[in-house]
Amino acid sequence: LETVDRLKSAHPDFTFTTDIIVGFPGETDYDFAETLDVMNEVAFAKVHMFPYSDRERTRANLYPNKVPTDVIKQRKAALMQQAEAQSFRLREAYVGRRMWVLTESLDSQDPEWITGHTDNFLRVKLPAEGLEPNELVAVELIENQPDGLLGRVCSACQEKAS
């Protein structure tokens, strides 16, 4: 956690993502509580969470102290709830800011929108009109939504985007 603190001190907009396996054989209640504590300290921008499941021909398949499926499901739900709340709070601090966004792809659900990411990996959704994937655009972040930030292209603010 010292490295996280140093990076955040040097670059206040630095964000972190992580992958977490919930319910790995031998995981105790204490271990899971420690995971939640670290999540609180780091405040990850994104958490990729995977529930453990046995796979044939892997060492972990042979490990003792399997975590019951119902416990894995409970831990997964608790972890995802915390991760989503933390990510939302982290993004809230960016509403009203101007940042550069690299556009990536049209929204598969609604092609009138294009998605991209800021340089610190915050997901941003923009009106697609006049934009193509792989463009770097200055954006004003106008709203925090459950799945990321909503922005608008701000051609007048290119000098001010951080």
N, C-alpha and C. Protein backbone atom coordinates (compact mmCIF):
# COMPACT_ATOMS: atom_id res chain seq x y z
N LEU A 1 0.81 -1.20 0.00
CA LEU A 1 0.00 0.00 0.00
C LEU A 1 0.86 1.27 0.00
N GLU A 2 2.13 1.13 0.40
CA GLU A 2 3.02 2.29 0.36
C GLU A 2 3.21 2.77 -1.07
N THR A 3 3.33 1.83 -2.00
CA THR A 3 3.49 2.19 -3.41
C THR A 3 2.26 2.92 -3.92
N VAL A 4 1.09 2.46 -3.54
CA VAL A 4 -0.16 3.12 -3.92
C VAL A 4 -0.15 4.56 -3.40
N ASP A 5 0.20 4.74 -2.15
CA ASP A 5 0.24 6.08 -1.56
C ASP A 5 1.25 6.98 -2.28
N ARG A 6 2.43 6.44 -2.60
CA ARG A 6 3.44 7.24 -3.30
C ARG A 6 2.94 7.66 -4.68
N LEU A 7 2.32 6.74 -5.40
CA LEU A 7 1.82 7.07 -6.73
C LEU A 7 0.70 8.11 -6.67
N LYS A 8 -0.20 7.95 -5.70
CA LYS A 8 -1.29 8.92 -5.57
C LYS A 8 -0.76 10.29 -5.14
N SER A 9 0.28 10.32 -4.32
CA SER A 9 0.87 11.60 -3.91
C SER A 9 1.53 12.30 -5.09
N ALA A 10 2.23 11.53 -5.91
CA ALA A 10 2.93 12.10 -7.06
C ALA A 10 1.97 12.47 -8.19
N HIS A 11 0.91 11.70 -8.35
CA HIS A 11 -0.05 11.89 -9.44
C HIS A 11 -1.46 11.73 -8.87
N PRO A 12 -2.08 12.79 -8.39
CA PRO A 12 -3.38 12.68 -7.72
C PRO A 12 -4.48 12.00 -8.55
N ASP A 13 -4.38 12.05 -9.88
CA ASP A 13 -5.39 11.41 -10.72
C ASP A 13 -5.07 9.95 -11.03
N PHE A 14 -4.00 9.44 -10.49
CA PHE A 14 -3.64 8.03 -10.72
C PHE A 14 -4.75 7.15 -10.16
N THR A 15 -5.20 6.20 -10.97
CA THR A 15 -6.22 5.26 -10.50
C THR A 15 -5.71 3.84 -10.67
N PHE A 16 -6.35 2.93 -9.96
CA PHE A 16 -5.94 1.53 -9.97
C PHE A 16 -7.11 0.64 -10.33
N THR A 17 -6.80 -0.45 -11.01
CA THR A 17 -7.78 -1.51 -11.25
C THR A 17 -7.19 -2.79 -10.67
N THR A 18 -8.02 -3.78 -10.47
CA THR A 18 -7.52 -5.04 -9.92
C THR A 18 -8.40 -6.20 -10.36
N ASP A 19 -7.83 -7.38 -10.30
CA ASP A 19 -8.57 -8.63 -10.49
C ASP A 19 -8.60 -9.34 -9.14
N ILE A 20 -9.76 -9.85 -8.76
CA ILE A 20 -9.89 -10.56 -7.49
C ILE A 20 -10.62 -11.87 -7.72
N ILE A 21 -10.05 -12.95 -7.19
CA ILE A 21 -10.74 -14.24 -7.18
C ILE A 21 -11.35 -14.40 -5.80
N VAL A 22 -12.66 -14.58 -5.75
CA VAL A 22 -13.36 -14.75 -4.48
C VAL A 22 -13.58 -16.24 -4.23
N GLY A 23 -13.26 -16.69 -3.02
CA GLY A 23 -13.54 -18.07 -2.65
C GLY A 23 -12.48 -19.07 -3.06
N PHE A 24 -11.24 -18.61 -3.25
CA PHE A 24 -10.16 -19.54 -3.56
C PHE A 24 -10.01 -20.51 -2.39
N PRO A 25 -9.71 -21.77 -2.64
CA PRO A 25 -9.60 -22.74 -1.55
C PRO A 25 -8.72 -22.23 -0.41
N GLY A 26 -9.24 -22.33 0.79
CA GLY A 26 -8.51 -21.88 1.97
C GLY A 26 -8.83 -20.45 2.37
N GLU A 27 -9.57 -19.72 1.54
CA GLU A 27 -9.93 -18.34 1.89
C GLU A 27 -10.82 -18.34 3.13
N THR A 28 -10.39 -17.62 4.15
CA THR A 28 -11.15 -17.55 5.40
C THR A 28 -11.97 -16.26 5.45
N ASP A 29 -12.82 -16.16 6.45
CA ASP A 29 -13.57 -14.92 6.67
C ASP A 29 -12.59 -13.76 6.89
N TYR A 30 -11.51 -14.03 7.62
CA TYR A 30 -10.50 -13.01 7.87
C TYR A 30 -9.85 -12.56 6.55
N ASP A 31 -9.49 -13.53 5.71
CA ASP A 31 -8.88 -13.19 4.41
C ASP A 31 -9.81 -12.30 3.59
N PHE A 32 -11.08 -12.66 3.57
CA PHE A 32 -12.04 -11.88 2.79
C PHE A 32 -12.18 -10.47 3.38
N ALA A 33 -12.22 -10.36 4.70
CA ALA A 33 -12.30 -9.05 5.34
C ALA A 33 -11.07 -8.20 5.00
N GLU A 34 -9.91 -8.84 4.93
CA GLU A 34 -8.68 -8.14 4.54
C GLU A 34 -8.79 -7.61 3.11
N THR A 35 -9.37 -8.40 2.23
CA THR A 35 -9.57 -7.97 0.85
C THR A 35 -10.44 -6.72 0.82
N LEU A 36 -11.54 -6.73 1.57
CA LEU A 36 -12.41 -5.55 1.62
C LEU A 36 -11.69 -4.34 2.21
N ASP A 37 -10.84 -4.57 3.21
CA ASP A 37 -10.07 -3.47 3.81
C ASP A 37 -9.12 -2.85 2.79
N VAL A 38 -8.43 -3.69 2.02
CA VAL A 38 -7.51 -3.17 1.00
C VAL A 38 -8.30 -2.39 -0.06
N MET A 39 -9.46 -2.92 -0.42
CA MET A 39 -10.30 -2.19 -1.38
C MET A 39 -10.66 -0.81 -0.85
N ASN A 40 -10.96 -0.72 0.44
CA ASN A 40 -11.29 0.58 1.05
C ASN A 40 -10.11 1.53 0.99
N GLU A 41 -8.92 1.02 1.24
CA GLU A 41 -7.74 1.87 1.25
C GLU A 41 -7.35 2.34 -0.14
N VAL A 42 -7.46 1.47 -1.13
CA VAL A 42 -7.01 1.81 -2.47
C VAL A 42 -8.08 2.56 -3.26
N ALA A 43 -9.35 2.22 -3.08
CA ALA A 43 -10.46 2.79 -3.85
C ALA A 43 -10.23 2.57 -5.35
N PHE A 44 -10.35 1.33 -5.76
CA PHE A 44 -10.10 0.96 -7.15
C PHE A 44 -11.12 1.61 -8.09
N ALA A 45 -10.63 2.03 -9.25
CA ALA A 45 -11.52 2.57 -10.28
C ALA A 45 -12.35 1.46 -10.91
N LYS A 46 -11.77 0.27 -10.97
CA LYS A 46 -12.46 -0.87 -11.59
C LYS A 46 -11.97 -2.14 -10.92
N VAL A 47 -12.90 -3.04 -10.62
CA VAL A 47 -12.57 -4.34 -10.05
C VAL A 47 -13.13 -5.41 -10.98
N HIS A 48 -12.25 -6.27 -11.45
CA HIS A 48 -12.68 -7.46 -12.20
C HIS A 48 -12.73 -8.58 -11.18
N MET A 49 -13.91 -9.11 -10.93
CA MET A 49 -14.11 -10.10 -9.87
C MET A 49 -14.53 -11.42 -10.50
N PHE A 50 -13.90 -12.47 -10.01
CA PHE A 50 -14.19 -13.81 -10.50
C PHE A 50 -14.46 -14.73 -9.31
N PRO A 51 -15.57 -15.44 -9.30
CA PRO A 51 -15.77 -16.44 -8.25
C PRO A 51 -14.93 -17.67 -8.58
N TYR A 52 -14.25 -18.21 -7.59
CA TYR A 52 -13.46 -19.42 -7.81
C TYR A 52 -14.37 -20.57 -8.18
N SER A 53 -13.92 -21.38 -9.13
CA SER A 53 -14.59 -22.64 -9.43
C SER A 53 -13.51 -23.65 -9.81
N ASP A 54 -13.73 -24.89 -9.41
CA ASP A 54 -12.76 -25.95 -9.71
C ASP A 54 -12.62 -26.14 -11.21
N ARG A 55 -11.39 -26.39 -11.63
CA ARG A 55 -11.09 -26.73 -13.01
C ARG A 55 -10.24 -28.00 -13.00
N GLU A 56 -10.66 -28.97 -13.77
CA GLU A 56 -9.89 -30.21 -13.83
C GLU A 56 -8.47 -29.92 -14.30
N ARG A 57 -7.55 -30.76 -13.85
CA ARG A 57 -6.14 -30.70 -14.22
C ARG A 57 -5.46 -29.41 -13.77
N THR A 58 -5.96 -28.80 -12.68
CA THR A 58 -5.26 -27.66 -12.08
C THR A 58 -4.91 -28.03 -10.65
N ARG A 59 -3.86 -27.45 -10.14
CA ARG A 59 -3.46 -27.73 -8.75
C ARG A 59 -4.55 -27.32 -7.76
N ALA A 60 -5.14 -26.16 -8.01
CA ALA A 60 -6.15 -25.65 -7.07
C ALA A 60 -7.33 -26.61 -6.95
N ASN A 61 -7.59 -27.38 -7.96
CA ASN A 61 -8.67 -28.36 -7.92
C ASN A 61 -8.42 -29.40 -6.82
N LEU A 62 -7.15 -29.60 -6.47
CA LEU A 62 -6.78 -30.59 -5.46
C LEU A 62 -6.62 -29.98 -4.07
N TYR A 63 -6.67 -28.68 -3.96
CA TYR A 63 -6.47 -28.04 -2.66
C TYR A 63 -7.62 -28.37 -1.71
N PRO A 64 -7.28 -28.49 -0.41
CA PRO A 64 -8.34 -28.71 0.59
C PRO A 64 -9.01 -27.39 0.96
N ASN A 65 -9.94 -27.48 1.89
CA ASN A 65 -10.61 -26.30 2.45
C ASN A 65 -11.35 -25.48 1.40
N LYS A 66 -12.15 -26.17 0.61
CA LYS A 66 -12.97 -25.49 -0.40
C LYS A 66 -13.98 -24.58 0.30
N VAL A 67 -14.19 -23.43 -0.27
CA VAL A 67 -15.17 -22.49 0.26
C VAL A 67 -16.53 -22.89 -0.32
N PRO A 68 -17.55 -23.03 0.53
CA PRO A 68 -18.87 -23.42 0.02
C PRO A 68 -19.41 -22.42 -1.02
N THR A 69 -20.12 -22.95 -1.99
CA THR A 69 -20.67 -22.14 -3.07
C THR A 69 -21.53 -20.99 -2.56
N ASP A 70 -22.36 -21.24 -1.55
CA ASP A 70 -23.21 -20.17 -1.04
C ASP A 70 -22.39 -19.05 -0.40
N VAL A 71 -21.27 -19.41 0.23
CA VAL A 71 -20.39 -18.39 0.82
C VAL A 71 -19.72 -17.59 -0.29
N ILE A 72 -19.29 -18.27 -1.35
CA ILE A 72 -18.69 -17.57 -2.49
C ILE A 72 -19.68 -16.57 -3.07
N LYS A 73 -20.93 -16.98 -3.23
CA LYS A 73 -21.95 -16.08 -3.79
C LYS A 73 -22.17 -14.87 -2.89
N GLN A 74 -22.20 -15.09 -1.57
CA GLN A 74 -22.39 -13.97 -0.63
C GLN A 74 -21.20 -13.01 -0.69
N ARG A 75 -20.00 -13.57 -0.71
CA ARG A 75 -18.80 -12.73 -0.77
C ARG A 75 -18.74 -11.97 -2.09
N LYS A 76 -19.09 -12.64 -3.17
CA LYS A 76 -19.09 -11.98 -4.48
C LYS A 76 -20.04 -10.79 -4.46
N ALA A 77 -21.24 -10.97 -3.93
CA ALA A 77 -22.23 -9.88 -3.88
C ALA A 77 -21.71 -8.73 -3.02
N ALA A 78 -21.13 -9.04 -1.87
CA ALA A 78 -20.62 -7.99 -0.98
C ALA A 78 -19.47 -7.23 -1.64
N LEU A 79 -18.58 -7.97 -2.28
CA LEU A 79 -17.43 -7.36 -2.93
C LEU A 79 -17.88 -6.46 -4.09
N MET A 80 -18.80 -6.94 -4.91
CA MET A 80 -19.25 -6.15 -6.05
C MET A 80 -20.00 -4.90 -5.59
N GLN A 81 -20.78 -5.02 -4.54
CA GLN A 81 -21.49 -3.85 -4.02
C GLN A 81 -20.48 -2.79 -3.56
N GLN A 82 -19.46 -3.22 -2.84
CA GLN A 82 -18.44 -2.28 -2.37
C GLN A 82 -17.67 -1.70 -3.54
N ALA A 83 -17.29 -2.54 -4.50
CA ALA A 83 -16.51 -2.08 -5.65
C ALA A 83 -17.28 -1.04 -6.46
N GLU A 84 -18.55 -1.30 -6.71
CA GLU A 84 -19.36 -0.36 -7.49
C GLU A 84 -19.55 0.96 -6.75
N ALA A 85 -19.76 0.90 -5.45
CA ALA A 85 -19.92 2.13 -4.67
C ALA A 85 -18.63 2.95 -4.66
N GLN A 86 -17.50 2.27 -4.49
CA GLN A 86 -16.22 2.98 -4.48
C GLN A 86 -15.91 3.60 -5.83
N SER A 87 -16.14 2.86 -6.89
CA SER A 87 -15.89 3.36 -8.23
C SER A 87 -16.77 4.58 -8.51
N PHE A 88 -18.02 4.51 -8.11
CA PHE A 88 -18.94 5.64 -8.30
C PHE A 88 -18.43 6.87 -7.55
N ARG A 89 -18.02 6.69 -6.29
CA ARG A 89 -17.51 7.82 -5.49
C ARG A 89 -16.25 8.41 -6.12
N LEU A 90 -15.36 7.56 -6.59
CA LEU A 90 -14.13 8.03 -7.22
C LEU A 90 -14.46 8.87 -8.46
N ARG A 91 -15.36 8.38 -9.30
CA ARG A 91 -15.73 9.11 -10.52
C ARG A 91 -16.43 10.43 -10.22
N GLU A 92 -17.17 10.48 -9.13
CA GLU A 92 -17.93 11.69 -8.78
C GLU A 92 -17.01 12.90 -8.71
N ALA A 93 -15.78 12.71 -8.27
CA ALA A 93 -14.82 13.81 -8.15
C ALA A 93 -14.40 14.38 -9.50
N TYR A 94 -14.70 13.67 -10.57
CA TYR A 94 -14.30 14.12 -11.90
C TYR A 94 -15.39 14.89 -12.64
N VAL A 95 -16.62 14.87 -12.14
CA VAL A 95 -17.71 15.59 -12.79
C VAL A 95 -17.38 17.09 -12.77
N GLY A 96 -17.51 17.71 -13.94
CA GLY A 96 -17.18 19.12 -14.08
C GLY A 96 -15.78 19.37 -14.58
N ARG A 97 -14.96 18.34 -14.61
CA ARG A 97 -13.59 18.49 -15.09
C ARG A 97 -13.52 18.31 -16.60
N ARG A 98 -12.44 18.78 -17.16
CA ARG A 98 -12.16 18.61 -18.58
C ARG A 98 -10.94 17.71 -18.70
N MET A 99 -11.10 16.67 -19.50
CA MET A 99 -10.02 15.69 -19.66
C MET A 99 -9.98 15.21 -21.11
N TRP A 100 -8.86 14.63 -21.46
CA TRP A 100 -8.72 14.01 -22.77
C TRP A 100 -9.31 12.61 -22.70
N VAL A 101 -10.02 12.23 -23.76
CA VAL A 101 -10.61 10.89 -23.85
C VAL A 101 -10.21 10.28 -25.19
N LEU A 102 -9.74 9.04 -25.13
CA LEU A 102 -9.47 8.28 -26.34
C LEU A 102 -10.72 7.49 -26.67
N THR A 103 -11.37 7.82 -27.80
CA THR A 103 -12.58 7.10 -28.18
C THR A 103 -12.21 5.69 -28.62
N GLU A 104 -13.11 4.74 -28.33
CA GLU A 104 -12.79 3.35 -28.62
C GLU A 104 -13.79 2.67 -29.54
N SER A 105 -15.06 2.70 -29.20
CA SER A 105 -16.03 1.99 -30.03
C SER A 105 -17.43 2.56 -29.84
N LEU A 106 -18.25 2.36 -30.88
CA LEU A 106 -19.65 2.74 -30.76
C LEU A 106 -20.32 1.84 -29.74
N ASP A 107 -21.25 2.39 -29.01
CA ASP A 107 -22.00 1.63 -28.02
C ASP A 107 -22.82 0.56 -28.75
N SER A 108 -22.65 -0.69 -28.37
CA SER A 108 -23.34 -1.79 -29.05
C SER A 108 -24.85 -1.72 -28.84
N GLN A 109 -25.30 -1.12 -27.75
CA GLN A 109 -26.72 -0.98 -27.46
C GLN A 109 -27.34 0.22 -28.18
N ASP A 110 -26.53 1.27 -28.36
CA ASP A 110 -27.04 2.50 -28.95
C ASP A 110 -25.92 3.19 -29.73
N PRO A 111 -25.88 2.99 -31.06
CA PRO A 111 -24.77 3.52 -31.87
C PRO A 111 -24.74 5.05 -31.96
N GLU A 112 -25.67 5.73 -31.31
CA GLU A 112 -25.58 7.19 -31.25
C GLU A 112 -24.59 7.64 -30.18
N TRP A 113 -24.02 6.67 -29.47
CA TRP A 113 -23.04 6.96 -28.42
C TRP A 113 -21.75 6.22 -28.72
N ILE A 114 -20.65 6.82 -28.32
CA ILE A 114 -19.34 6.19 -28.45
C ILE A 114 -18.71 6.17 -27.06
N THR A 115 -17.95 5.14 -26.76
CA THR A 115 -17.30 5.05 -25.45
C THR A 115 -15.79 5.19 -25.62
N GLY A 116 -15.16 5.59 -24.56
CA GLY A 116 -13.71 5.73 -24.54
C GLY A 116 -13.24 5.79 -23.10
N HIS A 117 -11.96 6.07 -22.93
CA HIS A 117 -11.38 6.15 -21.59
C HIS A 117 -10.47 7.37 -21.48
N THR A 118 -10.43 7.91 -20.28
CA THR A 118 -9.48 8.97 -19.96
C THR A 118 -8.10 8.32 -19.80
N ASP A 119 -7.09 9.16 -19.63
CA ASP A 119 -5.74 8.60 -19.46
C ASP A 119 -5.57 7.86 -18.14
N ASN A 120 -6.49 8.03 -17.21
CA ASN A 120 -6.43 7.27 -15.97
C ASN A 120 -7.53 6.20 -15.92
N PHE A 121 -7.97 5.78 -17.09
CA PHE A 121 -8.84 4.63 -17.31
C PHE A 121 -10.25 4.77 -16.75
N LEU A 122 -10.77 5.98 -16.76
CA LEU A 122 -12.17 6.18 -16.41
C LEU A 122 -12.99 6.06 -17.70
N ARG A 123 -14.03 5.24 -17.67
CA ARG A 123 -14.87 5.02 -18.85
C ARG A 123 -15.78 6.22 -19.05
N VAL A 124 -15.83 6.70 -20.30
CA VAL A 124 -16.64 7.87 -20.64
C VAL A 124 -17.49 7.55 -21.86
N LYS A 125 -18.74 7.95 -21.80
CA LYS A 125 -19.69 7.78 -22.90
C LYS A 125 -19.98 9.17 -23.47
N LEU A 126 -19.90 9.29 -24.82
CA LEU A 126 -20.08 10.57 -25.50
C LEU A 126 -21.07 10.44 -26.64
N PRO A 127 -21.74 11.54 -27.02
CA PRO A 127 -22.52 11.49 -28.26
C PRO A 127 -21.56 11.19 -29.42
N ALA A 128 -21.92 10.25 -30.27
CA ALA A 128 -21.02 9.76 -31.32
C ALA A 128 -20.94 10.68 -32.53
N GLU A 129 -21.85 11.61 -32.65
CA GLU A 129 -21.89 12.45 -33.85
C GLU A 129 -20.55 13.12 -34.12
N GLY A 130 -20.00 12.85 -35.29
CA GLY A 130 -18.73 13.45 -35.71
C GLY A 130 -17.50 12.78 -35.14
N LEU A 131 -17.67 11.70 -34.37
CA LEU A 131 -16.52 11.02 -33.77
C LEU A 131 -16.33 9.64 -34.37
N GLU A 132 -15.08 9.22 -34.41
CA GLU A 132 -14.71 7.88 -34.86
C GLU A 132 -13.90 7.23 -33.75
N PRO A 133 -13.84 5.90 -33.74
CA PRO A 133 -12.94 5.24 -32.79
C PRO A 133 -11.49 5.69 -33.01
N ASN A 134 -10.74 5.70 -31.93
CA ASN A 134 -9.31 6.02 -31.93
C ASN A 134 -9.03 7.50 -32.15
N GLU A 135 -9.91 8.35 -31.65
CA GLU A 135 -9.67 9.79 -31.68
C GLU A 135 -9.41 10.27 -30.25
N LEU A 136 -8.50 11.21 -30.11
CA LEU A 136 -8.24 11.83 -28.81
C LEU A 136 -8.98 13.17 -28.80
N VAL A 137 -9.96 13.29 -27.91
CA VAL A 137 -10.80 14.49 -27.88
C VAL A 137 -10.84 15.09 -26.48
N ALA A 138 -10.90 16.42 -26.43
CA ALA A 138 -11.09 17.11 -25.16
C ALA A 138 -12.56 17.02 -24.79
N VAL A 139 -12.82 16.63 -23.55
CA VAL A 139 -14.18 16.34 -23.11
C VAL A 139 -14.44 17.01 -21.78
N GLU A 140 -15.66 17.52 -21.63
CA GLU A 140 -16.11 17.98 -20.32
C GLU A 140 -16.94 16.85 -19.73
N LEU A 141 -16.60 16.42 -18.54
CA LEU A 141 -17.30 15.33 -17.87
C LEU A 141 -18.49 15.94 -17.14
N ILE A 142 -19.70 15.54 -17.57
CA ILE A 142 -20.89 16.26 -17.10
C ILE A 142 -21.78 15.48 -16.14
N GLU A 143 -21.63 14.15 -16.10
CA GLU A 143 -22.51 13.37 -15.23
C GLU A 143 -21.85 12.04 -14.88
N ASN A 144 -22.06 11.61 -13.65
CA ASN A 144 -21.59 10.30 -13.19
C ASN A 144 -22.78 9.35 -13.27
N GLN A 145 -22.59 8.25 -13.97
CA GLN A 145 -23.64 7.24 -14.10
C GLN A 145 -23.13 5.92 -13.53
N PRO A 146 -24.00 4.97 -13.25
CA PRO A 146 -23.56 3.70 -12.65
C PRO A 146 -22.47 2.97 -13.43
N ASP A 147 -22.44 3.13 -14.75
CA ASP A 147 -21.45 2.39 -15.54
C ASP A 147 -20.31 3.26 -16.05
N GLY A 148 -20.21 4.49 -15.62
CA GLY A 148 -19.13 5.37 -16.05
C GLY A 148 -19.58 6.82 -16.10
N LEU A 149 -18.75 7.64 -16.72
CA LEU A 149 -19.03 9.07 -16.81
C LEU A 149 -19.68 9.40 -18.15
N LEU A 150 -20.49 10.41 -18.15
CA LEU A 150 -21.08 10.95 -19.37
C LEU A 150 -20.33 12.24 -19.67
N GLY A 151 -19.95 12.41 -20.93
CA GLY A 151 -19.21 13.61 -21.29
C GLY A 151 -19.73 14.23 -22.57
N ARG A 152 -19.18 15.41 -22.87
CA ARG A 152 -19.48 16.05 -24.15
C ARG A 152 -18.18 16.64 -24.67
N VAL A 153 -18.03 16.57 -25.99
CA VAL A 153 -16.85 17.12 -26.62
C VAL A 153 -16.83 18.61 -26.35
N CYS A 154 -15.67 19.10 -26.02
CA CYS A 154 -15.51 20.50 -25.65
C CYS A 154 -14.37 21.08 -26.48
N SER A 155 -14.65 21.40 -27.73
CA SER A 155 -13.60 21.89 -28.62
C SER A 155 -13.00 23.20 -28.13
N ALA A 156 -13.78 23.99 -27.41
CA ALA A 156 -13.28 25.26 -26.89
C ALA A 156 -12.35 25.08 -25.70
N CYS A 157 -12.29 23.88 -25.14
CA CYS A 157 -11.50 23.70 -23.92
C CYS A 157 -10.29 22.79 -24.14
N GLN A 158 -9.82 22.65 -25.37
CA GLN A 158 -8.70 21.76 -25.63
C GLN A 158 -7.46 22.15 -24.83
N GLU A 159 -7.24 23.44 -24.64
CA GLU A 159 -6.08 23.90 -23.88
C GLU A 159 -6.21 23.55 -22.40
N LYS A 160 -7.45 23.45 -21.90
CA LYS A 160 -7.68 23.28 -20.47
C LYS A 160 -7.86 21.83 -20.04
N ALA A 161 -7.93 20.90 -20.99
CA ALA A 161 -8.10 19.49 -20.62
C ALA A 161 -6.84 19.01 -19.93
N SER A 162 -7.01 18.30 -18.83
CA SER A 162 -5.83 17.81 -18.10
C SER A 162 -5.50 16.39 -18.48
